[in-house]
Amino acid sequence: MITQDVIRKLWDAAGYGNVAVWGDDTMTIVPADYPGETAGKKPIAILKPIALVNEYDLLDFALSDEKLLNSIENTLRAAGGQVTRDQGP
């Protein structure tokens, strides 16, 4: 999973719900009151877009913010996920 892809998903989901990150590296938007399980499966993490990306005026600012990148990477790794940062061209 690429950290910047997670940020893009968070950015798109802001105002629509939270982002569930699954063990197979997929992400889905879930409602704020999501019980934490779908068909007996639990996501490795549920990320709250407004808390993570709302402070940024532009997506590009969020994509390059070290604090945000580290926060997402640490959260996903602590949950057992694998995440790498896109180094760009």
PDB file of N, CA and C in Angstrom:
ATOM      1  N   MET A   1       0.849  -1.158   0.000  1.00  0.00           N
ATOM      2  CA  MET A   1       0.000   0.000   0.000  1.00  0.00           C
ATOM      3  C   MET A   1       0.906   1.235   0.000  1.00  0.00           C
ATOM      4  N   ILE A   2       0.509   2.223  -0.735  1.00  0.00           N
ATOM      5  CA  ILE A   2       1.275   3.466  -0.855  1.00  0.00           C
ATOM      6  C   ILE A   2       0.635   4.535   0.036  1.00  0.00           C
ATOM      7  N   THR A   3       1.431   5.169   0.862  1.00  0.00           N
ATOM      8  CA  THR A   3       0.926   6.164   1.815  1.00  0.00           C
ATOM      9  C   THR A   3       0.139   7.267   1.113  1.00  0.00           C
ATOM     10  N   GLN A   4       0.660   7.776   0.014  1.00  0.00           N
ATOM     11  CA  GLN A   4      -0.020   8.864  -0.682  1.00  0.00           C
ATOM     12  C   GLN A   4      -1.376   8.421  -1.238  1.00  0.00           C
ATOM     13  N   ASP A   5      -1.524   7.133  -1.603  1.00  0.00           N
ATOM     14  CA  ASP A   5      -2.820   6.627  -2.050  1.00  0.00           C
ATOM     15  C   ASP A   5      -3.829   6.644  -0.904  1.00  0.00           C
ATOM     16  N   VAL A   6      -3.355   6.352   0.292  1.00  0.00           N
ATOM     17  CA  VAL A   6      -4.216   6.406   1.473  1.00  0.00           C
ATOM     18  C   VAL A   6      -4.678   7.847   1.690  1.00  0.00           C
ATOM     19  N   ILE A   7      -3.765   8.799   1.558  1.00  0.00           N
ATOM     20  CA  ILE A   7      -4.130  10.214   1.742  1.00  0.00           C
ATOM     21  C   ILE A   7      -5.144  10.647   0.696  1.00  0.00           C
ATOM     22  N   ARG A   8      -4.967  10.218  -0.549  1.00  0.00           N
ATOM     23  CA  ARG A   8      -5.936  10.566  -1.595  1.00  0.00           C
ATOM     24  C   ARG A   8      -7.328  10.004  -1.256  1.00  0.00           C
ATOM     25  N   LYS A   9      -7.356   8.778  -0.762  1.00  0.00           N
ATOM     26  CA  LYS A   9      -8.637   8.161  -0.386  1.00  0.00           C
ATOM     27  C   LYS A   9      -9.273   8.924   0.777  1.00  0.00           C
ATOM     28  N   LEU A  10      -8.456   9.306   1.754  1.00  0.00           N
ATOM     29  CA  LEU A  10      -8.954  10.090   2.882  1.00  0.00           C
ATOM     30  C   LEU A  10      -9.519  11.425   2.398  1.00  0.00           C
ATOM     31  N   TRP A  11      -8.808  12.061   1.496  1.00  0.00           N
ATOM     32  CA  TRP A  11      -9.220  13.359   0.962  1.00  0.00           C
ATOM     33  C   TRP A  11     -10.585  13.223   0.277  1.00  0.00           C
ATOM     34  N   ASP A  12     -10.744  12.186  -0.541  1.00  0.00           N
ATOM     35  CA  ASP A  12     -12.000  11.966  -1.261  1.00  0.00           C
ATOM     36  C   ASP A  12     -13.142  11.581  -0.325  1.00  0.00           C
ATOM     37  N   ALA A  13     -12.815  10.926   0.781  1.00  0.00           N
ATOM     38  CA  ALA A  13     -13.841  10.437   1.709  1.00  0.00           C
ATOM     39  C   ALA A  13     -14.285  11.486   2.721  1.00  0.00           C
ATOM     40  N   ALA A  14     -13.540  12.563   2.862  1.00  0.00           N
ATOM     41  CA  ALA A  14     -13.878  13.578   3.870  1.00  0.00           C
ATOM     42  C   ALA A  14     -15.306  14.056   3.667  1.00  0.00           C
ATOM     43  N   GLY A  15     -16.075  13.964   4.726  1.00  0.00           N
ATOM     44  CA  GLY A  15     -17.468  14.371   4.675  1.00  0.00           C
ATOM     45  C   GLY A  15     -18.427  13.249   4.305  1.00  0.00           C
ATOM     46  N   TYR A  16     -17.888  12.108   3.877  1.00  0.00           N
ATOM     47  CA  TYR A  16     -18.732  10.981   3.466  1.00  0.00           C
ATOM     48  C   TYR A  16     -18.652   9.798   4.421  1.00  0.00           C
ATOM     49  N   GLY A  17     -17.655   9.788   5.288  1.00  0.00           N
ATOM     50  CA  GLY A  17     -17.486   8.675   6.217  1.00  0.00           C
ATOM     51  C   GLY A  17     -16.026   8.471   6.540  1.00  0.00           C
ATOM     52  N   ASN A  18     -15.726   7.343   7.127  1.00  0.00           N
ATOM     53  CA  ASN A  18     -14.347   6.987   7.475  1.00  0.00           C
ATOM     54  C   ASN A  18     -13.806   6.011   6.440  1.00  0.00           C
ATOM     55  N   VAL A  19     -12.511   5.748   6.505  1.00  0.00           N
ATOM     56  CA  VAL A  19     -11.890   4.824   5.566  1.00  0.00           C
ATOM     57  C   VAL A  19     -11.429   3.582   6.319  1.00  0.00           C
ATOM     58  N   ALA A  20     -11.975   2.439   5.911  1.00  0.00           N
ATOM     59  CA  ALA A  20     -11.548   1.163   6.473  1.00  0.00           C
ATOM     60  C   ALA A  20     -10.429   0.620   5.592  1.00  0.00           C
ATOM     61  N   VAL A  21      -9.326   0.246   6.222  1.00  0.00           N
ATOM     62  CA  VAL A  21      -8.187  -0.339   5.515  1.00  0.00           C
ATOM     63  C   VAL A  21      -8.175  -1.825   5.847  1.00  0.00           C
ATOM     64  N   TRP A  22      -8.188  -2.639   4.812  1.00  0.00           N
ATOM     65  CA  TRP A  22      -8.294  -4.083   4.976  1.00  0.00           C
ATOM     66  C   TRP A  22      -6.940  -4.761   4.790  1.00  0.00           C
ATOM     67  N   GLY A  23      -6.829  -5.960   5.280  1.00  0.00           N
ATOM     68  CA  GLY A  23      -5.586  -6.716   5.219  1.00  0.00           C
ATOM     69  C   GLY A  23      -5.089  -6.999   3.819  1.00  0.00           C
ATOM     70  N   ASP A  24      -5.976  -6.942   2.828  1.00  0.00           N
ATOM     71  CA  ASP A  24      -5.570  -7.187   1.438  1.00  0.00           C
ATOM     72  C   ASP A  24      -5.205  -5.888   0.716  1.00  0.00           C
ATOM     73  N   ASP A  25      -4.983  -4.826   1.487  1.00  0.00           N
ATOM     74  CA  ASP A  25      -4.584  -3.504   0.971  1.00  0.00           C
ATOM     75  C   ASP A  25      -5.698  -2.745   0.254  1.00  0.00           C
ATOM     76  N   THR A  26      -6.939  -3.169   0.407  1.00  0.00           N
ATOM     77  CA  THR A  26      -8.035  -2.392  -0.151  1.00  0.00           C
ATOM     78  C   THR A  26      -8.532  -1.405   0.890  1.00  0.00           C
ATOM     79  N   MET A  27      -9.211  -0.378   0.407  1.00  0.00           N
ATOM     80  CA  MET A  27      -9.780   0.638   1.288  1.00  0.00           C
ATOM     81  C   MET A  27     -11.221   0.869   0.870  1.00  0.00           C
ATOM     82  N   THR A  28     -12.096   0.991   1.850  1.00  0.00           N
ATOM     83  CA  THR A  28     -13.496   1.278   1.568  1.00  0.00           C
ATOM     84  C   THR A  28     -13.971   2.390   2.488  1.00  0.00           C
ATOM     85  N   ILE A  29     -14.933   3.139   2.004  1.00  0.00           N
ATOM     86  CA  ILE A  29     -15.548   4.175   2.829  1.00  0.00           C
ATOM     87  C   ILE A  29     -16.645   3.512   3.654  1.00  0.00           C
ATOM     88  N   VAL A  30     -16.617   3.764   4.945  1.00  0.00           N
ATOM     89  CA  VAL A  30     -17.625   3.212   5.854  1.00  0.00           C
ATOM     90  C   VAL A  30     -18.262   4.366   6.616  1.00  0.00           C
ATOM     91  N   PRO A  31     -19.501   4.187   7.064  1.00  0.00           N
ATOM     92  CA  PRO A  31     -20.156   5.264   7.814  1.00  0.00           C
ATOM     93  C   PRO A  31     -19.468   5.537   9.148  1.00  0.00           C
ATOM     94  N   ALA A  32     -19.694   6.714   9.668  1.00  0.00           N
ATOM     95  CA  ALA A  32     -19.077   7.103  10.938  1.00  0.00           C
ATOM     96  C   ALA A  32     -19.464   6.158  12.075  1.00  0.00           C
ATOM     97  N   ASP A  33     -20.642   5.568  11.998  1.00  0.00           N
ATOM     98  CA  ASP A  33     -21.092   4.649  13.049  1.00  0.00           C
ATOM     99  C   ASP A  33     -20.823   3.182  12.702  1.00  0.00           C
ATOM    100  N   TYR A  34     -19.877   2.944  11.818  1.00  0.00           N
ATOM    101  CA  TYR A  34     -19.523   1.582  11.390  1.00  0.00           C
ATOM    102  C   TYR A  34     -19.155   0.733  12.603  1.00  0.00           C
ATOM    103  N   PRO A  35     -19.737  -0.453  12.725  1.00  0.00           N
ATOM    104  CA  PRO A  35     -19.496  -1.294  13.904  1.00  0.00           C
ATOM    105  C   PRO A  35     -18.123  -1.963  13.931  1.00  0.00           C
ATOM    106  N   GLY A  36     -17.359  -1.855  12.860  1.00  0.00           N
ATOM    107  CA  GLY A  36     -16.002  -2.406  12.868  1.00  0.00           C
ATOM    108  C   GLY A  36     -15.876  -3.804  12.315  1.00  0.00           C
ATOM    109  N   GLU A  37     -16.936  -4.302  11.665  1.00  0.00           N
ATOM    110  CA  GLU A  37     -16.902  -5.649  11.115  1.00  0.00           C
ATOM    111  C   GLU A  37     -17.900  -5.754   9.974  1.00  0.00           C
ATOM    112  N   THR A  38     -17.479  -6.441   8.895  1.00  0.00           N
ATOM    113  CA  THR A  38     -18.360  -6.694   7.762  1.00  0.00           C
ATOM    114  C   THR A  38     -18.257  -8.166   7.410  1.00  0.00           C
ATOM    115  N   ALA A  39     -19.360  -8.854   7.432  1.00  0.00           N
ATOM    116  CA  ALA A  39     -19.410 -10.279   7.088  1.00  0.00           C
ATOM    117  C   ALA A  39     -18.354 -11.076   7.861  1.00  0.00           C
ATOM    118  N   GLY A  40     -18.197 -10.736   9.125  1.00  0.00           N
ATOM    119  CA  GLY A  40     -17.255 -11.458   9.971  1.00  0.00           C
ATOM    120  C   GLY A  40     -15.801 -11.049   9.814  1.00  0.00           C
ATOM    121  N   LYS A  41     -15.528 -10.068   8.980  1.00  0.00           N
ATOM    122  CA  LYS A  41     -14.151  -9.603   8.766  1.00  0.00           C
ATOM    123  C   LYS A  41     -13.984  -8.214   9.350  1.00  0.00           C
ATOM    124  N   LYS A  42     -12.826  -8.012   9.992  1.00  0.00           N
ATOM    125  CA  LYS A  42     -12.517  -6.704  10.572  1.00  0.00           C
ATOM    126  C   LYS A  42     -11.389  -6.043   9.781  1.00  0.00           C
ATOM    127  N   PRO A  43     -11.490  -4.729   9.555  1.00  0.00           N
ATOM    128  CA  PRO A  43     -10.383  -4.024   8.904  1.00  0.00           C
ATOM    129  C   PRO A  43      -9.198  -3.926   9.865  1.00  0.00           C
ATOM    130  N   ILE A  44      -8.011  -3.735   9.309  1.00  0.00           N
ATOM    131  CA  ILE A  44      -6.844  -3.577  10.184  1.00  0.00           C
ATOM    132  C   ILE A  44      -6.831  -2.195  10.826  1.00  0.00           C
ATOM    133  N   ALA A  45      -7.485  -1.235  10.170  1.00  0.00           N
ATOM    134  CA  ALA A  45      -7.548   0.126  10.727  1.00  0.00           C
ATOM    135  C   ALA A  45      -8.742   0.859  10.135  1.00  0.00           C
ATOM    136  N   ILE A  46      -9.277   1.774  10.916  1.00  0.00           N
ATOM    137  CA  ILE A  46     -10.300   2.690  10.426  1.00  0.00           C
ATOM    138  C   ILE A  46      -9.745   4.097  10.625  1.00  0.00           C
ATOM    139  N   LEU A  47      -9.576   4.797   9.516  1.00  0.00           N
ATOM    140  CA  LEU A  47      -8.993   6.136   9.537  1.00  0.00           C
ATOM    141  C   LEU A  47     -10.094   7.176   9.387  1.00  0.00           C
ATOM    142  N   LYS A  48      -9.970   8.252  10.126  1.00  0.00           N
ATOM    143  CA  LYS A  48     -10.974   9.323  10.123  1.00  0.00           C
ATOM    144  C   LYS A  48     -10.452  10.498   9.283  1.00  0.00           C
ATOM    145  N   PRO A  49     -11.005  10.659   8.076  1.00  0.00           N
ATOM    146  CA  PRO A  49     -10.502  11.683   7.160  1.00  0.00           C
ATOM    147  C   PRO A  49     -10.495  13.094   7.718  1.00  0.00           C
ATOM    148  N   ILE A  50     -11.579  13.507   8.339  1.00  0.00           N
ATOM    149  CA  ILE A  50     -11.651  14.901   8.794  1.00  0.00           C
ATOM    150  C   ILE A  50     -10.556  15.188   9.809  1.00  0.00           C
ATOM    151  N   ALA A  51     -10.295  14.254  10.695  1.00  0.00           N
ATOM    152  CA  ALA A  51      -9.246  14.450  11.696  1.00  0.00           C
ATOM    153  C   ALA A  51      -7.852  14.459  11.066  1.00  0.00           C
ATOM    154  N   LEU A  52      -7.689  13.760   9.946  1.00  0.00           N
ATOM    155  CA  LEU A  52      -6.359  13.636   9.348  1.00  0.00           C
ATOM    156  C   LEU A  52      -6.067  14.668   8.269  1.00  0.00           C
ATOM    157  N   VAL A  53      -7.030  14.959   7.398  1.00  0.00           N
ATOM    158  CA  VAL A  53      -6.707  15.828   6.257  1.00  0.00           C
ATOM    159  C   VAL A  53      -7.446  17.162   6.232  1.00  0.00           C
ATOM    160  N   ASN A  54      -8.339  17.397   7.172  1.00  0.00           N
ATOM    161  CA  ASN A  54      -9.151  18.608   7.143  1.00  0.00           C
ATOM    162  C   ASN A  54      -8.341  19.898   7.288  1.00  0.00           C
ATOM    163  N   GLU A  55      -7.183  19.829   7.908  1.00  0.00           N
ATOM    164  CA  GLU A  55      -6.394  21.043   8.140  1.00  0.00           C
ATOM    165  C   GLU A  55      -5.665  21.546   6.894  1.00  0.00           C
ATOM    166  N   TYR A  56      -5.655  20.751   5.842  1.00  0.00           N
ATOM    167  CA  TYR A  56      -4.913  21.122   4.632  1.00  0.00           C
ATOM    168  C   TYR A  56      -5.833  21.801   3.625  1.00  0.00           C
ATOM    169  N   ASP A  57      -5.364  22.915   3.073  1.00  0.00           N
ATOM    170  CA  ASP A  57      -6.149  23.638   2.081  1.00  0.00           C
ATOM    171  C   ASP A  57      -6.149  22.939   0.726  1.00  0.00           C
ATOM    172  N   LEU A  58      -5.041  22.272   0.424  1.00  0.00           N
ATOM    173  CA  LEU A  58      -4.896  21.593  -0.866  1.00  0.00           C
ATOM    174  C   LEU A  58      -4.384  20.179  -0.658  1.00  0.00           C
ATOM    175  N   LEU A  59      -4.811  19.283  -1.525  1.00  0.00           N
ATOM    176  CA  LEU A  59      -4.372  17.892  -1.456  1.00  0.00           C
ATOM    177  C   LEU A  59      -2.851  17.788  -1.529  1.00  0.00           C
ATOM    178  N   ASP A  60      -2.224  18.592  -2.369  1.00  0.00           N
ATOM    179  CA  ASP A  60      -0.762  18.540  -2.500  1.00  0.00           C
ATOM    180  C   ASP A  60      -0.049  18.804  -1.177  1.00  0.00           C
ATOM    181  N   PHE A  61      -0.609  19.677  -0.351  1.00  0.00           N
ATOM    182  CA  PHE A  61      -0.010  19.939   0.961  1.00  0.00           C
ATOM    183  C   PHE A  61      -0.073  18.693   1.831  1.00  0.00           C
ATOM    184  N   ALA A  62      -1.203  18.016   1.814  1.00  0.00           N
ATOM    185  CA  ALA A  62      -1.364  16.796   2.604  1.00  0.00           C
ATOM    186  C   ALA A  62      -0.432  15.693   2.109  1.00  0.00           C
ATOM    187  N   LEU A  63      -0.294  15.576   0.798  1.00  0.00           N
ATOM    188  CA  LEU A  63       0.537  14.509   0.217  1.00  0.00           C
ATOM    189  C   LEU A  63       2.007  14.637   0.567  1.00  0.00           C
ATOM    190  N   SER A  64       2.443  15.830   0.920  1.00  0.00           N
ATOM    191  CA  SER A  64       3.866  16.031   1.201  1.00  0.00           C
ATOM    192  C   SER A  64       4.166  16.357   2.661  1.00  0.00           C
ATOM    193  N   ASP A  65       3.159  16.307   3.515  1.00  0.00           N
ATOM    194  CA  ASP A  65       3.361  16.647   4.919  1.00  0.00           C
ATOM    195  C   ASP A  65       3.957  15.462   5.684  1.00  0.00           C
ATOM    196  N   GLU A  66       5.180  15.630   6.158  1.00  0.00           N
ATOM    197  CA  GLU A  66       5.894  14.544   6.869  1.00  0.00           C
ATOM    198  C   GLU A  66       5.122  14.030   8.079  1.00  0.00           C
ATOM    199  N   LYS A  67       4.538  14.936   8.824  1.00  0.00           N
ATOM    200  CA  LYS A  67       3.800  14.541  10.028  1.00  0.00           C
ATOM    201  C   LYS A  67       2.624  13.628   9.666  1.00  0.00           C
ATOM    202  N   LEU A  68       1.862  14.002   8.659  1.00  0.00           N
ATOM    203  CA  LEU A  68       0.724  13.197   8.221  1.00  0.00           C
ATOM    204  C   LEU A  68       1.182  11.858   7.647  1.00  0.00           C
ATOM    205  N   LEU A  69       2.195  11.894   6.796  1.00  0.00           N
ATOM    206  CA  LEU A  69       2.722  10.657   6.214  1.00  0.00           C
ATOM    207  C   LEU A  69       3.176   9.683   7.309  1.00  0.00           C
ATOM    208  N   ASN A  70       3.936  10.193   8.263  1.00  0.00           N
ATOM    209  CA  ASN A  70       4.419   9.348   9.361  1.00  0.00           C
ATOM    210  C   ASN A  70       3.277   8.804  10.207  1.00  0.00           C
ATOM    211  N   SER A  71       2.289   9.638  10.474  1.00  0.00           N
ATOM    212  CA  SER A  71       1.155   9.220  11.294  1.00  0.00           C
ATOM    213  C   SER A  71       0.408   8.052  10.651  1.00  0.00           C
ATOM    214  N   ILE A  72       0.135   8.161   9.373  1.00  0.00           N
ATOM    215  CA  ILE A  72      -0.576   7.095   8.660  1.00  0.00           C
ATOM    216  C   ILE A  72       0.275   5.839   8.593  1.00  0.00           C
ATOM    217  N   GLU A  73       1.548   5.997   8.272  1.00  0.00           N
ATOM    218  CA  GLU A  73       2.445   4.837   8.187  1.00  0.00           C
ATOM    219  C   GLU A  73       2.557   4.128   9.533  1.00  0.00           C
ATOM    220  N   ASN A  74       2.705   4.879  10.587  1.00  0.00           N
ATOM    221  CA  ASN A  74       2.820   4.272  11.921  1.00  0.00           C
ATOM    222  C   ASN A  74       1.536   3.545  12.314  1.00  0.00           C
ATOM    223  N   THR A  75       0.399   4.146  12.020  1.00  0.00           N
ATOM    224  CA  THR A  75      -0.889   3.525  12.345  1.00  0.00           C
ATOM    225  C   THR A  75      -1.064   2.208  11.605  1.00  0.00           C
ATOM    226  N   LEU A  76      -0.789   2.213  10.320  1.00  0.00           N
ATOM    227  CA  LEU A  76      -0.984   0.998   9.523  1.00  0.00           C
ATOM    228  C   LEU A  76       0.027  -0.086   9.876  1.00  0.00           C
ATOM    229  N   ARG A  77       1.253   0.295  10.105  1.00  0.00           N
ATOM    230  CA  ARG A  77       2.267  -0.707  10.490  1.00  0.00           C
ATOM    231  C   ARG A  77       1.957  -1.316  11.857  1.00  0.00           C
ATOM    232  N   ALA A  78       1.502  -0.490  12.781  1.00  0.00           N
ATOM    233  CA  ALA A  78       1.146  -0.988  14.117  1.00  0.00           C
ATOM    234  C   ALA A  78      -0.013  -1.971  14.047  1.00  0.00           C
ATOM    235  N   ALA A  79      -0.857  -1.820  13.026  1.00  0.00           N
ATOM    236  CA  ALA A  79      -2.003  -2.708  12.857  1.00  0.00           C
ATOM    237  C   ALA A  79      -1.647  -3.956  12.052  1.00  0.00           C
ATOM    238  N   GLY A  80      -0.389  -4.054  11.629  1.00  0.00           N
ATOM    239  CA  GLY A  80       0.047  -5.230  10.881  1.00  0.00           C
ATOM    240  C   GLY A  80       0.067  -5.042   9.385  1.00  0.00           C
ATOM    241  N   GLY A  81      -0.212  -3.841   8.922  1.00  0.00           N
ATOM    242  CA  GLY A  81      -0.205  -3.579   7.483  1.00  0.00           C
ATOM    243  C   GLY A  81       1.176  -3.226   6.962  1.00  0.00           C
ATOM    244  N   GLN A  82       1.311  -3.315   5.655  1.00  0.00           N
ATOM    245  CA  GLN A  82       2.559  -2.903   5.013  1.00  0.00           C
ATOM    246  C   GLN A  82       2.283  -1.652   4.198  1.00  0.00           C
ATOM    247  N   VAL A  83       3.121  -0.667   4.391  1.00  0.00           N
ATOM    248  CA  VAL A  83       2.917   0.599   3.697  1.00  0.00           C
ATOM    249  C   VAL A  83       4.273   1.171   3.309  1.00  0.00           C
ATOM    250  N   THR A  84       4.340   1.753   2.128  1.00  0.00           N
ATOM    251  CA  THR A  84       5.567   2.392   1.661  1.00  0.00           C
ATOM    252  C   THR A  84       5.198   3.768   1.122  1.00  0.00           C
ATOM    253  N   ARG A  85       6.165   4.621   1.107  1.00  0.00           N
ATOM    254  CA  ARG A  85       5.964   5.992   0.644  1.00  0.00           C
ATOM    255  C   ARG A  85       6.389   6.095  -0.811  1.00  0.00           C
ATOM    256  N   ASP A  86       5.541   6.724  -1.637  1.00  0.00           N
ATOM    257  CA  ASP A  86       5.867   6.971  -3.029  1.00  0.00           C
ATOM    258  C   ASP A  86       6.940   8.056  -3.068  1.00  0.00           C
ATOM    259  N   GLN A  87       8.044   7.736  -3.689  1.00  0.00           N
ATOM    260  CA  GLN A  87       9.159   8.681  -3.743  1.00  0.00           C
ATOM    261  C   GLN A  87       9.063   9.624  -4.932  1.00  0.00           C
ATOM    262  N   GLY A  88       8.072   9.402  -5.802  1.00  0.00           N
ATOM    263  CA  GLY A  88       7.883  10.284  -6.949  1.00  0.00           C
ATOM    264  C   GLY A  88       8.913  10.038  -8.035  1.00  0.00           C
ATOM    265  N   PRO A  89       8.842  10.837  -9.089  1.00  0.00           N
ATOM    266  CA  PRO A  89       9.766  10.651 -10.221  1.00  0.00           C
ATOM    267  C   PRO A  89      11.186  11.023  -9.904  1.00  0.00           C
TER     268      PRO A  89
END
